[in-house]
Amino acid sequence: MNARELDKNFREKKEQFLSYISNIKKSMPIDIFSITNVTIINNPYGTNFPKKFFIEDYKDENSFFLFIKSSLKFYLKHIYWFFSYIIQFVIYKLFYKKRVTNENAIFIDIFFLVDNIIKNKKFDENYFSGLYEVLDKYSQKYIFLPRLYRVGKNPFKLISFFKIINRDKKSFLFEFEFLSLKDFIDIFIMIIYYPFKTLRLKQKENMRVDKLFNIELIRDIQNQQFEAFSRYIYGKNMAKLDKVIKIYSWSEFQVVERSFNYGIRVNNRDIHLYGCQFYLNYESYFNTFVYDVDFLHQSSFHKILVNGHIYILNREYIDYKAGVSLRYKNIFNYNISLKGTKILLLGSYIEKDTKFMLDAVSNFESIFFKNHPVVNIDKFGKLDSNIKIVDNSIYELFENTAIVISTASGSAVEAVSCGISVIIVASQDNLTANPLIDKGKGKIWDIAFSKDDVEKVYNKLLNYRKNSEEITKIALWYRENFFIAPTEENIIEVFELNENGECA
């Protein structure tokens, strides 16, 4: 099945797919093993079940041997990560010197990009950029709850990391602060149980899709993250603290959040959890959307704050509210102009998709290429002579750009909102992560399903740019619906600070 056919099936069968998963969630046993299950969470980059559902890949496999194979891989990885976690704990005790009190503080649960912090030799946080200036202005205390990113393989990097964090004036509350011998035992027991607990989620094979689900359920055992267990313990320990009222979490509603939320909510009803989705989302990222059943399972937040009004969903138990576009303040100062003539290729964090895009533009005379910051550009080898690597901010690049070529990048929405036309290059081996909606399709943006499509779509969009008033109108619509200005007034309202800037 090619990319065009996969996209067609996705459009036609998306609701059927979501209904199937919803019915499983409603009937499954509720505990840490089920609410963090990889297949149930349905991140299309964490499980192949969504892709195989839409391409109707119903190949038969021996589930017994698959269970043995997947479980062995799971145990090998998790035993390594378990001992790595013990080493992280020891390093924390030896090298982290700061201690904090949690009185009158709000808590901010975010990823810490450990490698970047070590490389830059300082702590710099960009997820909630712009928030801290307001909190500091009004002397509102805040404490970070770090999610240490990519540490498990090499825990010894934390030696350098903690030396840097010790010098920072901000407050941090690491999960290692609470860990006891019992916690380590509990994590180990959960690891032992997980593959067998997964089997409870198998479906009676009344339809072909049931068999597909069961096969992928067993295969996904090996894909479970260690954080499913460690973050659950972190949540349980946070729930025991006095005077913890609000926790704001960067939310892609992944395992790290579901397990943490569950640990808190089953042990403390007084802590209010806020999921902050201050980014540009994708229709195919099924894991990011929070449903009432997630609330009833106690794995969700109480309130979801989104980047723009377009993302507000109607739920009975969960309060979806307009948030603030902390990471996109530059868009509100950008003056729309259609004078640009250049082609800008924006790399994705999905390396395969970026490689395909680079190959697809080989026939163009001149391309400016901005690589994704978390991807090593050396992985793409020697680039064609028509491709020039640039490292300017995207808003500087937009000044001279007519067409952006992209995939799996929220920057496509930023480009459209600035009056830049966009070509979304479809993924060739998975669901396409397209942050745009049907508004303006064929006018300011369109999708290319193959290499041949790219040039055709380019000529079509370039020609439509003659309709400058229509392009500007569509751009402003995207800006108004996908973004909310990160003004001090809006930040105070979204984070529920009182008129003095203090946590209400």
Protein backbone atom coordinates (compact mmCIF):
# COMPACT_ATOMS: atom_id res chain seq x y z
CA MET A 1 0.00 0.00 0.00
CA ASN A 2 1.49 3.36 -1.04
CA ALA A 3 1.39 6.62 0.93
CA ARG A 4 -1.69 7.94 -0.90
CA GLU A 5 -3.70 4.79 -0.23
CA LEU A 6 -2.64 4.75 3.43
CA ASP A 7 -3.78 8.35 3.86
CA LYS A 8 -7.11 7.53 2.20
CA ASN A 9 -7.67 4.57 4.54
CA PHE A 10 -6.74 6.74 7.50
CA ARG A 11 -9.39 9.32 6.57
CA GLU A 12 -12.06 6.71 6.01
CA LYS A 13 -11.40 4.46 9.00
CA LYS A 14 -10.07 6.75 11.71
CA GLU A 15 -13.30 6.83 13.70
CA GLN A 16 -13.61 3.05 13.43
CA PHE A 17 -10.08 2.69 14.78
CA LEU A 18 -10.69 5.06 17.70
CA SER A 19 -13.93 3.30 18.57
CA TYR A 20 -12.17 -0.06 18.63
CA ILE A 21 -9.52 1.15 21.09
CA SER A 22 -12.12 2.97 23.19
CA ASN A 23 -14.15 -0.21 23.64
CA ILE A 24 -11.07 -2.10 24.82
CA LYS A 25 -10.22 0.64 27.31
CA LYS A 26 -13.74 0.63 28.73
CA SER A 27 -13.62 -3.08 29.55
CA MET A 28 -9.99 -3.61 30.55
CA PRO A 29 -8.81 -4.09 34.18
CA ILE A 30 -7.49 -0.82 35.59
CA ASP A 31 -4.02 -0.77 37.11
CA ILE A 32 -0.53 0.50 36.31
CA PHE A 33 0.00 -2.31 33.80
CA SER A 34 -3.01 -1.51 31.64
CA ILE A 35 -3.04 2.29 31.74
CA THR A 36 0.58 2.39 30.51
CA ASN A 37 0.22 -0.34 27.91
CA VAL A 38 2.01 0.62 24.69
CA THR A 39 -0.64 -0.72 22.30
CA ILE A 40 -3.48 0.94 24.22
CA ILE A 41 -1.70 4.32 24.31
CA ASN A 42 -1.39 4.12 20.52
CA ASN A 43 1.51 6.40 19.76
CA PRO A 44 2.01 5.55 16.06
CA TYR A 45 5.78 5.74 16.64
CA GLY A 46 5.63 3.44 19.67
CA THR A 47 3.45 0.67 18.23
CA ASN A 48 2.76 -0.60 14.72
CA PHE A 49 -0.87 -1.35 15.50
CA PRO A 50 -2.30 1.89 14.02
CA LYS A 51 -0.30 1.54 10.82
CA LYS A 52 -1.20 -2.15 10.39
CA PHE A 53 -4.86 -1.39 11.11
CA PHE A 54 -5.03 1.15 8.30
CA ILE A 55 -3.02 -0.87 5.77
CA GLU A 56 -5.03 -3.97 6.79
CA ASP A 57 -1.94 -6.06 7.50
CA TYR A 58 -3.46 -9.23 8.95
CA LYS A 59 -0.49 -11.57 8.70
CA ASP A 60 -0.67 -14.52 11.09
CA GLU A 61 2.05 -15.21 13.67
CA ASN A 62 2.61 -17.76 16.42
CA SER A 63 1.61 -15.82 19.52
CA PHE A 64 3.33 -18.20 21.95
CA PHE A 65 6.78 -17.87 20.38
CA LEU A 66 6.23 -14.14 19.87
CA PHE A 67 5.43 -13.78 23.59
CA ILE A 68 8.64 -15.61 24.56
CA LYS A 69 10.74 -13.51 22.19
CA SER A 70 9.17 -10.17 23.14
CA SER A 71 9.28 -10.92 26.87
CA LEU A 72 12.96 -11.88 26.73
CA LYS A 73 13.77 -8.60 25.00
CA PHE A 74 11.70 -6.76 27.58
CA TYR A 75 13.49 -8.38 30.51
CA LEU A 76 16.96 -7.86 29.05
CA LYS A 77 16.33 -4.15 28.49
CA HIS A 78 14.61 -3.58 31.82
CA ILE A 79 17.21 -5.40 33.86
CA TYR A 80 19.81 -3.09 32.33
CA TRP A 81 17.65 -0.02 32.97
CA PHE A 82 16.90 -1.17 36.53
CA PHE A 83 20.59 -1.33 37.42
CA SER A 84 21.15 1.93 35.56
CA TYR A 85 18.43 3.46 37.74
CA ILE A 86 20.22 2.27 40.88
CA ILE A 87 23.42 3.90 39.61
CA GLN A 88 21.50 7.13 38.92
CA PHE A 89 20.21 7.06 42.48
CA VAL A 90 23.73 6.60 43.90
CA ILE A 91 25.12 9.41 41.73
CA TYR A 92 22.28 11.66 42.89
CA LYS A 93 23.10 10.95 46.54
CA LEU A 94 26.80 11.60 45.97
CA PHE A 95 26.71 14.65 43.71
CA TYR A 96 23.45 16.55 44.17
CA LYS A 97 23.75 19.00 47.05
CA LYS A 98 20.65 21.20 46.85
CA ARG A 99 17.46 20.66 48.84
CA VAL A 100 14.15 22.48 48.52
CA THR A 101 10.98 23.12 50.49
CA ASN A 102 7.67 22.92 48.70
CA GLU A 103 5.69 25.49 50.65
CA ASN A 104 3.57 27.85 48.50
CA ALA A 105 5.10 26.53 45.29
CA ILE A 106 3.71 25.35 42.01
CA PHE A 107 5.36 22.35 40.39
CA ILE A 108 6.47 22.15 36.77
CA ASP A 109 6.93 18.66 35.34
CA ILE A 110 9.05 18.75 32.17
CA PHE A 111 11.74 16.96 30.21
CA PHE A 112 15.32 17.83 31.01
CA LEU A 113 17.47 17.37 27.90
CA VAL A 114 20.49 16.15 29.84
CA ASP A 115 22.87 16.00 26.88
CA ASN A 116 22.07 19.59 25.89
CA ILE A 117 22.52 20.83 29.45
CA ILE A 118 25.91 19.14 29.67
CA LYS A 119 26.93 20.45 26.24
CA ASN A 120 25.89 24.04 27.07
CA LYS A 121 27.21 23.78 30.65
CA LYS A 122 24.08 25.43 31.98
CA PHE A 123 20.42 24.72 32.63
CA ASP A 124 18.20 26.27 29.98
CA GLU A 125 14.50 25.37 29.72
CA ASN A 126 12.52 26.11 26.55
CA TYR A 127 9.29 24.18 27.03
CA PHE A 128 7.67 26.92 29.14
CA SER A 129 9.75 29.80 27.84
CA GLY A 130 8.29 33.12 28.96
CA LEU A 131 6.45 31.73 31.99
CA TYR A 132 9.32 32.02 34.45
CA GLU A 133 9.82 35.74 33.92
CA VAL A 134 6.22 36.32 35.01
CA LEU A 135 6.50 33.99 38.02
CA ASP A 136 9.77 35.64 39.07
CA LYS A 137 8.29 39.11 38.64
CA TYR A 138 5.56 38.30 41.14
CA SER A 139 7.85 36.25 43.42
CA GLN A 140 5.83 33.08 42.85
CA LYS A 141 7.92 30.10 43.89
CA TYR A 142 8.12 27.22 41.43
CA ILE A 143 9.86 23.86 41.57
CA PHE A 144 10.89 21.70 38.63
CA LEU A 145 10.05 18.00 38.58
CA PRO A 146 12.65 16.77 36.05
CA ARG A 147 12.07 14.00 33.54
CA LEU A 148 15.65 13.07 32.75
CA TYR A 149 15.78 12.43 29.01
CA ARG A 150 18.07 9.76 27.53
CA VAL A 151 19.99 8.90 30.68
CA GLY A 152 19.29 5.17 31.02
CA LYS A 153 21.99 4.01 28.61
CA ASN A 154 24.73 6.01 30.31
CA PRO A 155 23.84 7.01 33.89
CA PHE A 156 27.34 8.34 34.57
CA LYS A 157 26.62 11.45 32.53
CA LEU A 158 24.60 12.56 35.56
CA ILE A 159 27.85 13.37 37.37
CA SER A 160 28.43 16.31 35.04
CA PHE A 161 24.72 17.10 34.95
CA PHE A 162 24.35 17.43 38.74
CA LYS A 163 27.46 19.60 38.99
CA ILE A 164 25.79 22.02 36.58
CA ILE A 165 22.40 21.87 38.32
CA ASN A 166 24.04 22.53 41.71
CA ARG A 167 25.17 25.93 40.43
CA ASP A 168 21.71 26.96 39.22
CA LYS A 169 19.57 29.10 41.50
CA LYS A 170 16.31 27.40 40.50
CA SER A 171 14.63 24.71 42.61
CA PHE A 172 14.50 21.05 41.56
CA LEU A 173 12.82 18.04 43.12
CA PHE A 174 14.18 14.83 41.65
CA GLU A 175 12.44 11.47 41.98
CA PHE A 176 15.57 10.10 43.66
CA GLU A 177 14.86 12.29 46.70
CA PHE A 178 12.06 9.96 47.81
CA LEU A 179 13.31 6.53 46.79
CA SER A 180 13.50 3.79 49.41
CA LEU A 181 14.50 0.14 49.28
CA LYS A 182 10.79 -0.73 49.08
CA ASP A 183 10.42 1.44 45.97
CA PHE A 184 13.20 -0.43 44.20
CA ILE A 185 11.61 -3.73 45.14
CA ASP A 186 8.22 -2.53 43.87
CA ILE A 187 9.74 -1.46 40.54
CA PHE A 188 11.47 -4.82 40.16
CA ILE A 189 8.24 -6.70 40.89
CA MET A 190 6.32 -4.60 38.35
CA ILE A 191 8.95 -5.44 35.75
CA ILE A 192 8.58 -9.15 36.47
CA TYR A 193 4.78 -9.00 36.24
CA TYR A 194 4.38 -6.77 33.18
CA PRO A 195 4.54 -9.30 30.30
CA PHE A 196 2.05 -11.60 32.02
CA LYS A 197 -0.28 -8.77 33.01
CA THR A 198 -0.31 -7.71 29.36
CA LEU A 199 -1.98 -10.98 28.37
CA ARG A 200 -5.13 -9.90 30.24
CA LEU A 201 -5.73 -7.37 27.46
CA LYS A 202 -5.99 -9.96 24.70
CA GLN A 203 -9.30 -9.84 22.83
CA LYS A 204 -11.55 -12.69 21.81
CA GLU A 205 -10.77 -13.17 18.15
CA ASN A 206 -14.23 -12.55 16.71
CA MET A 207 -12.85 -10.37 13.89
CA ARG A 208 -9.63 -10.14 11.96
CA VAL A 209 -8.76 -6.91 13.75
CA ASP A 210 -8.88 -8.72 17.10
CA LYS A 211 -6.16 -11.09 15.96
CA LEU A 212 -4.09 -8.17 14.68
CA PHE A 213 -4.50 -6.37 17.99
CA ASN A 214 -3.47 -9.46 19.98
CA ILE A 215 -0.35 -9.98 17.91
CA GLU A 216 0.74 -6.34 18.22
CA LEU A 217 -0.15 -6.35 21.93
CA ILE A 218 2.31 -9.18 22.51
CA ARG A 219 4.93 -7.70 20.19
CA ASP A 220 4.73 -4.35 22.02
CA ILE A 221 5.74 -5.92 25.34
CA GLN A 222 9.35 -5.30 24.32
CA ASN A 223 8.57 -1.63 23.61
CA GLN A 224 7.46 -0.71 27.12
CA GLN A 225 9.49 2.03 28.82
CA PHE A 226 11.14 1.73 32.22
CA GLU A 227 9.45 5.03 33.13
CA ALA A 228 6.10 3.25 33.22
CA PHE A 229 7.20 1.92 36.60
CA SER A 230 9.65 4.52 37.93
CA ARG A 231 7.33 7.46 37.23
CA TYR A 232 4.46 5.64 38.92
CA ILE A 233 6.58 5.41 42.07
CA TYR A 234 7.50 9.08 41.66
CA GLY A 235 3.80 9.97 41.53
CA LYS A 236 3.02 7.87 44.62
CA ASN A 237 5.77 9.63 46.54
CA MET A 238 4.68 13.08 45.37
CA ALA A 239 1.15 12.27 46.57
CA LYS A 240 2.47 11.93 50.13
CA LEU A 241 3.87 15.47 50.28
CA ASP A 242 2.07 18.20 52.17
CA LYS A 243 1.01 21.45 50.50
CA VAL A 244 1.29 20.19 46.92
CA ILE A 245 -1.71 21.78 45.21
CA LYS A 246 -0.93 22.14 41.49
CA ILE A 247 1.35 20.34 39.07
CA TYR A 248 1.75 21.64 35.51
CA SER A 249 3.08 18.97 33.14
CA TRP A 250 4.34 19.24 29.59
CA SER A 251 1.88 16.83 28.03
CA GLU A 252 2.09 14.56 25.04
CA PHE A 253 0.07 12.13 27.20
CA GLN A 254 2.73 9.46 26.99
CA VAL A 255 3.70 6.74 29.45
CA VAL A 256 5.73 9.19 31.56
CA GLU A 257 2.61 11.25 32.25
CA ARG A 258 0.01 8.52 32.55
CA SER A 259 1.99 6.56 35.12
CA PHE A 260 2.89 9.71 37.10
CA ASN A 261 -0.72 10.93 37.08
CA TYR A 262 -2.00 7.52 38.13
CA GLY A 263 0.44 7.35 41.02
CA ILE A 264 -0.79 10.72 42.28
CA ARG A 265 -4.51 10.40 41.68
CA VAL A 266 -5.03 6.99 43.29
CA ASN A 267 -3.23 8.24 46.40
CA ASN A 268 -4.21 11.91 46.68
CA ARG A 269 -7.44 13.55 45.49
CA ASP A 270 -6.39 17.06 46.49
CA ILE A 271 -3.58 17.58 43.98
CA HIS A 272 -4.81 19.20 40.77
CA LEU A 273 -3.06 18.13 37.57
CA TYR A 274 -2.73 20.35 34.49
CA GLY A 275 -1.61 18.96 31.14
CA CYS A 276 0.04 21.67 29.07
CA GLN A 277 -0.10 20.99 25.33
CA PHE A 278 1.60 24.17 24.24
CA TYR A 279 2.59 22.81 20.86
CA LEU A 280 1.14 22.25 17.39
CA ASN A 281 -0.49 18.84 17.37
CA TYR A 282 -1.14 16.19 14.71
CA GLU A 283 -4.34 14.33 13.91
CA SER A 284 -2.43 11.03 13.73
CA TYR A 285 -0.85 11.39 17.20
CA PHE A 286 -3.61 9.40 18.88
CA ASN A 287 -1.79 9.31 22.21
CA THR A 288 -2.05 13.08 22.74
CA PHE A 289 -5.84 13.25 22.89
CA VAL A 290 -7.30 12.79 26.37
CA TYR A 291 -10.67 11.06 26.73
CA ASP A 292 -13.18 10.79 29.54
CA VAL A 293 -12.30 7.11 29.96
CA ASP A 294 -8.72 8.19 30.76
CA PHE A 295 -10.05 10.46 33.48
CA LEU A 296 -12.15 7.65 34.94
CA HIS A 297 -9.06 5.41 34.90
CA GLN A 298 -7.21 8.13 36.85
CA SER A 299 -4.39 8.34 34.33
CA SER A 300 -5.34 11.74 32.91
CA PHE A 301 -5.01 15.32 34.03
CA HIS A 302 -7.91 17.28 35.47
CA LYS A 303 -7.44 20.09 32.97
CA ILE A 304 -5.83 20.27 29.51
CA LEU A 305 -4.39 23.61 28.40
CA VAL A 306 -3.91 23.85 24.63
CA ASN A 307 -1.92 26.05 22.27
CA GLY A 308 -4.91 27.46 20.38
CA HIS A 309 -8.70 27.40 20.31
CA ILE A 310 -8.70 24.89 17.45
CA TYR A 311 -7.48 22.20 19.88
CA ILE A 312 -10.24 22.57 22.48
CA LEU A 313 -12.20 19.31 22.70
CA ASN A 314 -15.60 18.63 24.22
CA ARG A 315 -15.31 16.26 27.17
CA GLU A 316 -17.62 15.53 30.09
CA TYR A 317 -15.03 15.00 32.84
CA ILE A 318 -11.93 16.74 31.51
CA ASP A 319 -11.73 20.49 31.22
CA TYR A 320 -10.12 21.50 27.92
CA LYS A 321 -9.13 25.17 28.07
CA ALA A 322 -7.26 27.68 25.93
CA GLY A 323 -3.67 27.92 27.08
CA VAL A 324 -0.93 30.18 25.83
CA SER A 325 1.62 29.83 23.02
CA LEU A 326 4.76 30.21 25.10
CA ARG A 327 7.07 28.82 22.40
CA TYR A 328 5.65 30.86 19.53
CA LYS A 329 5.81 34.48 20.65
CA ASN A 330 7.68 35.53 17.47
CA ILE A 331 4.67 34.75 15.31
CA PHE A 332 2.72 37.66 16.80
CA ASN A 333 5.40 40.13 15.70
CA TYR A 334 5.76 38.78 12.16
CA ASN A 335 4.42 40.95 9.35
CA ILE A 336 2.98 38.86 6.53
CA SER A 337 4.68 39.51 3.20
CA LEU A 338 4.55 37.51 -0.02
CA LYS A 339 7.83 38.81 -1.43
CA GLY A 340 9.89 35.71 -0.62
CA THR A 341 11.17 33.53 -3.46
CA LYS A 342 13.26 30.79 -1.77
CA ILE A 343 12.46 27.15 -0.97
CA LEU A 344 13.05 26.10 2.64
CA LEU A 345 13.22 22.44 3.67
CA LEU A 346 12.55 21.84 7.36
CA GLY A 347 13.96 18.58 8.68
CA SER A 348 11.91 16.32 10.93
CA TYR A 349 12.96 14.45 14.06
CA ILE A 350 11.90 11.35 12.09
CA GLU A 351 15.11 10.69 10.18
CA LYS A 352 13.57 8.45 7.49
CA ASP A 353 11.12 11.17 6.50
CA THR A 354 13.88 13.79 6.30
CA LYS A 355 16.02 11.51 4.11
CA PHE A 356 13.09 11.01 1.76
CA MET A 357 12.46 14.76 1.55
CA LEU A 358 16.13 15.46 0.79
CA ASP A 359 15.99 12.95 -2.04
CA ALA A 360 12.67 14.34 -3.31
CA VAL A 361 14.11 17.85 -3.89
CA SER A 362 17.12 16.72 -5.94
CA ASN A 363 15.66 18.26 -9.12
CA PHE A 364 15.25 21.76 -7.67
CA GLU A 365 17.92 24.35 -8.42
CA SER A 366 18.38 25.72 -4.92
CA ILE A 367 17.10 24.55 -1.52
CA PHE A 368 17.80 25.91 1.96
CA PHE A 369 17.80 23.12 4.54
CA LYS A 370 17.32 23.65 8.27
CA ASN A 371 17.89 20.39 10.15
CA HIS A 372 15.88 19.39 13.22
CA PRO A 373 17.90 20.29 16.35
CA VAL A 374 17.77 16.82 17.93
CA VAL A 375 19.00 15.01 14.78
CA ASN A 376 22.67 14.66 13.87
CA ILE A 377 23.00 16.05 10.36
CA ASP A 378 25.86 13.64 9.62
CA LYS A 379 23.29 10.84 9.44
CA PHE A 380 22.17 12.19 6.05
CA GLY A 381 25.61 11.82 4.49
CA LYS A 382 26.86 14.18 1.82
CA LEU A 383 24.02 16.41 0.62
CA ASP A 384 23.42 17.32 -3.02
CA SER A 385 25.12 20.48 -4.25
CA ASN A 386 21.75 22.23 -4.64
CA ILE A 387 21.10 22.04 -0.88
CA LYS A 388 22.52 24.71 1.40
CA ILE A 389 22.47 24.12 5.16
CA VAL A 390 21.23 27.07 7.23
CA ASP A 391 20.98 27.56 10.97
CA ASN A 392 19.10 30.87 11.25
CA SER A 393 15.85 31.11 13.17
CA ILE A 394 12.88 30.06 11.06
CA TYR A 395 11.42 33.57 11.25
CA GLU A 396 14.58 35.03 9.71
CA LEU A 397 14.37 32.37 7.01
CA PHE A 398 10.68 33.03 6.40
CA GLU A 399 11.49 36.59 5.28
CA ASN A 400 12.89 35.27 2.00
CA THR A 401 10.82 32.09 1.65
CA ALA A 402 7.90 31.38 -0.69
CA ILE A 403 7.54 27.62 -0.12
CA VAL A 404 8.34 25.45 2.90
CA ILE A 405 8.70 21.69 2.40
CA SER A 406 8.18 19.71 5.58
CA THR A 407 6.73 16.71 7.36
CA ALA A 408 6.12 15.84 11.01
CA SER A 409 6.89 19.42 11.98
CA GLY A 410 4.69 21.94 13.74
CA SER A 411 6.71 24.60 11.95
CA ALA A 412 4.42 23.96 8.96
CA VAL A 413 1.65 25.74 10.88
CA GLU A 414 4.01 28.59 11.76
CA ALA A 415 4.90 28.94 8.09
CA VAL A 416 1.28 29.02 6.92
CA SER A 417 0.46 31.54 9.67
CA CYS A 418 3.19 33.77 8.26
CA GLY A 419 1.82 33.57 4.71
CA ILE A 420 4.35 30.97 3.52
CA SER A 421 3.01 28.17 1.32
CA VAL A 422 3.71 24.64 2.58
CA ILE A 423 4.20 21.24 0.99
CA ILE A 424 3.64 18.36 3.41
CA VAL A 425 5.60 15.34 2.21
CA ALA A 426 3.75 12.18 3.21
CA SER A 427 5.57 9.54 5.22
CA GLN A 428 6.42 6.53 3.07
CA ASP A 429 6.23 3.94 5.84
CA ASN A 430 3.87 5.27 8.51
CA LEU A 431 0.92 7.57 9.12
CA THR A 432 1.74 11.10 7.99
CA ALA A 433 2.15 13.60 10.81
CA ASN A 434 0.42 16.63 9.30
CA PRO A 435 -0.28 19.54 11.70
CA LEU A 436 -2.47 21.40 9.18
CA ILE A 437 -6.21 21.00 8.63
CA ASP A 438 -8.33 21.21 5.48
CA LYS A 439 -8.54 25.00 5.70
CA GLY A 440 -6.51 26.41 2.80
CA LYS A 441 -5.65 23.04 1.28
CA GLY A 442 -4.79 23.43 -2.39
CA LYS A 443 -4.30 27.15 -1.85
CA ILE A 444 -1.65 27.80 0.79
CA TRP A 445 -0.72 24.18 1.48
CA ASP A 446 -1.03 20.72 0.00
CA ILE A 447 0.35 17.21 0.42
CA ALA A 448 2.81 15.35 -1.81
CA PHE A 449 2.57 11.56 -1.64
CA SER A 450 5.56 10.79 -3.86
CA LYS A 451 8.73 12.39 -5.22
CA ASP A 452 6.96 13.18 -8.47
CA ASP A 453 4.20 14.95 -6.54
CA VAL A 454 6.59 17.43 -4.92
CA GLU A 455 7.33 19.41 -8.07
CA LYS A 456 3.68 19.34 -9.19
CA VAL A 457 2.44 20.63 -5.85
CA TYR A 458 5.22 23.23 -5.78
CA ASN A 459 4.15 24.70 -9.12
CA LYS A 460 0.48 24.65 -8.09
CA LEU A 461 1.09 26.48 -4.79
CA LEU A 462 3.55 28.92 -6.30
CA ASN A 463 1.00 29.88 -8.92
CA TYR A 464 -1.75 30.38 -6.31
CA ARG A 465 0.43 32.88 -4.42
CA LYS A 466 -0.71 35.45 -6.98
CA ASN A 467 -3.93 35.57 -4.93
CA SER A 468 -2.23 37.58 -2.21
CA GLU A 469 -5.39 38.69 -0.41
CA GLU A 470 -6.69 35.10 -0.10
CA ILE A 471 -3.28 33.83 1.07
CA THR A 472 -3.11 36.57 3.72
CA LYS A 473 -6.66 35.86 4.87
CA ILE A 474 -5.93 32.15 5.33
CA ALA A 475 -2.65 32.92 7.12
CA LEU A 476 -4.39 35.19 9.63
CA TRP A 477 -7.09 32.55 10.23
CA TYR A 478 -4.42 30.00 11.17
CA ARG A 479 -2.68 32.52 13.40
CA GLU A 480 -5.89 33.37 15.25
CA ASN A 481 -7.03 29.77 15.73
CA PHE A 482 -3.78 27.87 16.37
CA PHE A 483 -2.03 30.37 18.65
CA ILE A 484 -2.72 32.47 21.73
CA ALA A 485 -0.43 35.41 22.48
CA PRO A 486 1.87 34.77 25.49
CA THR A 487 1.19 38.13 27.10
CA GLU A 488 1.66 38.62 30.83
CA GLU A 489 -2.10 38.98 31.21
CA ASN A 490 -2.77 35.69 29.42
CA ILE A 491 -0.08 33.84 31.38
CA ILE A 492 -1.56 35.05 34.68
CA GLU A 493 -5.01 33.87 33.59
CA VAL A 494 -3.92 30.48 32.25
CA PHE A 495 -1.79 29.62 35.28
CA GLU A 496 -4.50 30.86 37.63
CA LEU A 497 -2.41 33.47 39.39
CA ASN A 498 -4.26 36.13 41.34
CA GLU A 499 -4.05 39.85 40.73
CA ASN A 500 -0.77 39.94 42.64
CA GLY A 501 0.68 37.20 40.44
CA GLU A 502 0.52 34.61 43.21
CA CYS A 503 -0.83 31.09 42.76
CA ALA A 504 -4.58 31.21 43.37
